């Protein structure tokens, strides 16, 4: 079983309920593809190191998941690229 850390940044101009909904939908997506979510953390709004799509702040989320294959990770990556509410995302495979 492999362990992955997925961090993504959501646009700060959304309403708080919508920001949380985007985070929950990404978590549900990962769980729906067979991965086990070990940790889901809302890290709050933080200042970005540089401007992304004219935003200086973003709302950070972290998902730590375990999976037998990379199907859930590939789907997370695909949806994060398509979703206009997600400014950036990063997937890291954690070495045991």
Protein backbone atom coordinates (compact mmCIF):
# COMPACT_ATOMS: atom_id res chain seq x y z
CA UNK A 1 0.00 0.00 0.00
CA UNK A 2 1.31 3.42 -0.97
CA UNK A 3 0.85 6.66 0.95
CA UNK A 4 0.21 9.98 -0.81
CA UNK A 5 -0.07 13.60 0.30
CA UNK A 6 -2.28 15.81 -1.85
CA UNK A 7 -2.37 19.54 -1.22
CA UNK A 8 -4.58 21.93 -3.12
CA UNK A 9 -5.42 25.63 -2.97
CA UNK A 10 -8.97 26.90 -3.44
CA UNK A 11 -9.92 30.39 -4.64
CA UNK A 12 -10.46 32.74 -1.67
CA UNK A 13 -13.30 34.76 -3.25
CA UNK A 14 -15.82 31.93 -2.85
CA UNK A 15 -18.23 31.86 0.09
CA UNK A 16 -17.01 29.83 3.05
CA UNK A 17 -19.62 27.11 2.49
CA UNK A 18 -18.50 26.74 -1.15
CA UNK A 19 -14.82 26.56 -0.15
CA UNK A 20 -15.60 23.74 2.28
CA UNK A 21 -17.75 22.04 -0.37
CA UNK A 22 -14.84 22.01 -2.83
CA UNK A 23 -12.59 20.47 -0.16
CA UNK A 24 -15.17 17.82 0.74
CA UNK A 25 -15.81 16.98 -2.93
CA UNK A 26 -12.10 16.37 -3.51
CA UNK A 27 -11.95 14.15 -0.41
CA UNK A 28 -15.04 12.21 -1.55
CA UNK A 29 -13.51 11.81 -5.01
CA UNK A 30 -10.38 10.20 -3.57
CA UNK A 31 -12.43 7.90 -1.30
CA UNK A 32 -14.73 6.97 -4.17
CA UNK A 33 -11.82 5.61 -6.20
CA UNK A 34 -10.78 3.15 -3.49
CA UNK A 35 -8.22 5.12 -1.52
CA UNK A 36 -8.32 5.28 2.27
CA UNK A 37 -8.19 8.89 3.53
CA UNK A 38 -5.96 8.87 6.62
CA UNK A 39 -6.06 12.63 7.25
CA UNK A 40 -8.07 15.54 5.87
CA UNK A 41 -6.94 18.96 7.05
CA UNK A 42 -8.30 22.42 6.30
CA UNK A 43 -5.26 24.63 6.72
CA UNK A 44 -7.11 27.91 6.28
CA UNK A 45 -6.45 30.97 4.21
CA UNK A 46 -2.83 31.93 3.64
CA UNK A 47 -0.91 34.38 1.54
CA UNK A 48 0.53 32.94 -1.66
CA UNK A 49 4.23 33.29 -2.43
CA UNK A 50 3.31 34.80 -5.80
CA UNK A 51 0.12 35.87 -7.56
CA UNK A 52 -1.84 33.02 -9.16
CA UNK A 53 -4.67 34.01 -11.54
CA UNK A 54 -4.76 37.48 -9.92
CA UNK A 55 -5.18 36.04 -6.39
CA UNK A 56 -2.76 36.90 -3.58
CA UNK A 57 -4.38 34.53 -1.03
CA UNK A 58 -5.73 31.00 -1.17
CA UNK A 59 -7.51 28.49 1.04
CA UNK A 60 -5.29 25.44 1.63
CA UNK A 61 -6.36 21.81 2.06
CA UNK A 62 -4.30 18.67 2.71
CA UNK A 63 -5.40 15.08 2.08
CA UNK A 64 -3.22 12.18 3.22
CA UNK A 65 -4.38 8.91 1.66
CA UNK A 66 -3.30 5.30 1.29
CA UNK A 67 -4.01 3.38 -1.90
CA UNK A 68 -3.07 0.07 -3.47
CA UNK A 69 -2.82 1.62 -6.94
CA UNK A 70 -2.66 5.12 -8.38
CA UNK A 71 -6.19 5.22 -9.84
CA UNK A 72 -7.50 7.60 -7.13
CA UNK A 73 -4.42 9.80 -7.45
CA UNK A 74 -4.74 10.11 -11.22
CA UNK A 75 -8.43 11.00 -10.88
CA UNK A 76 -7.63 13.63 -8.22
CA UNK A 77 -5.00 15.13 -10.53
CA UNK A 78 -7.40 15.16 -13.49
CA UNK A 79 -10.25 16.80 -11.58
CA UNK A 80 -7.97 19.35 -9.89
CA UNK A 81 -6.75 20.48 -13.32
CA UNK A 82 -10.31 20.88 -14.62
CA UNK A 83 -11.90 22.48 -11.54
CA UNK A 84 -11.78 26.27 -11.89
CA UNK A 85 -12.07 26.73 -8.10
CA UNK A 86 -8.73 24.97 -7.52
CA UNK A 87 -5.82 27.35 -8.14
CA UNK A 88 -2.96 24.83 -7.66
CA UNK A 89 -2.46 21.29 -6.49
CA UNK A 90 0.42 18.99 -5.67
CA UNK A 91 0.63 15.24 -5.17
CA UNK A 92 3.58 13.70 -3.33
CA UNK A 93 4.20 9.98 -2.82
CA UNK A 94 5.47 9.48 0.72
CA UNK A 95 8.29 6.98 1.10
CA UNK A 96 7.81 4.50 3.92
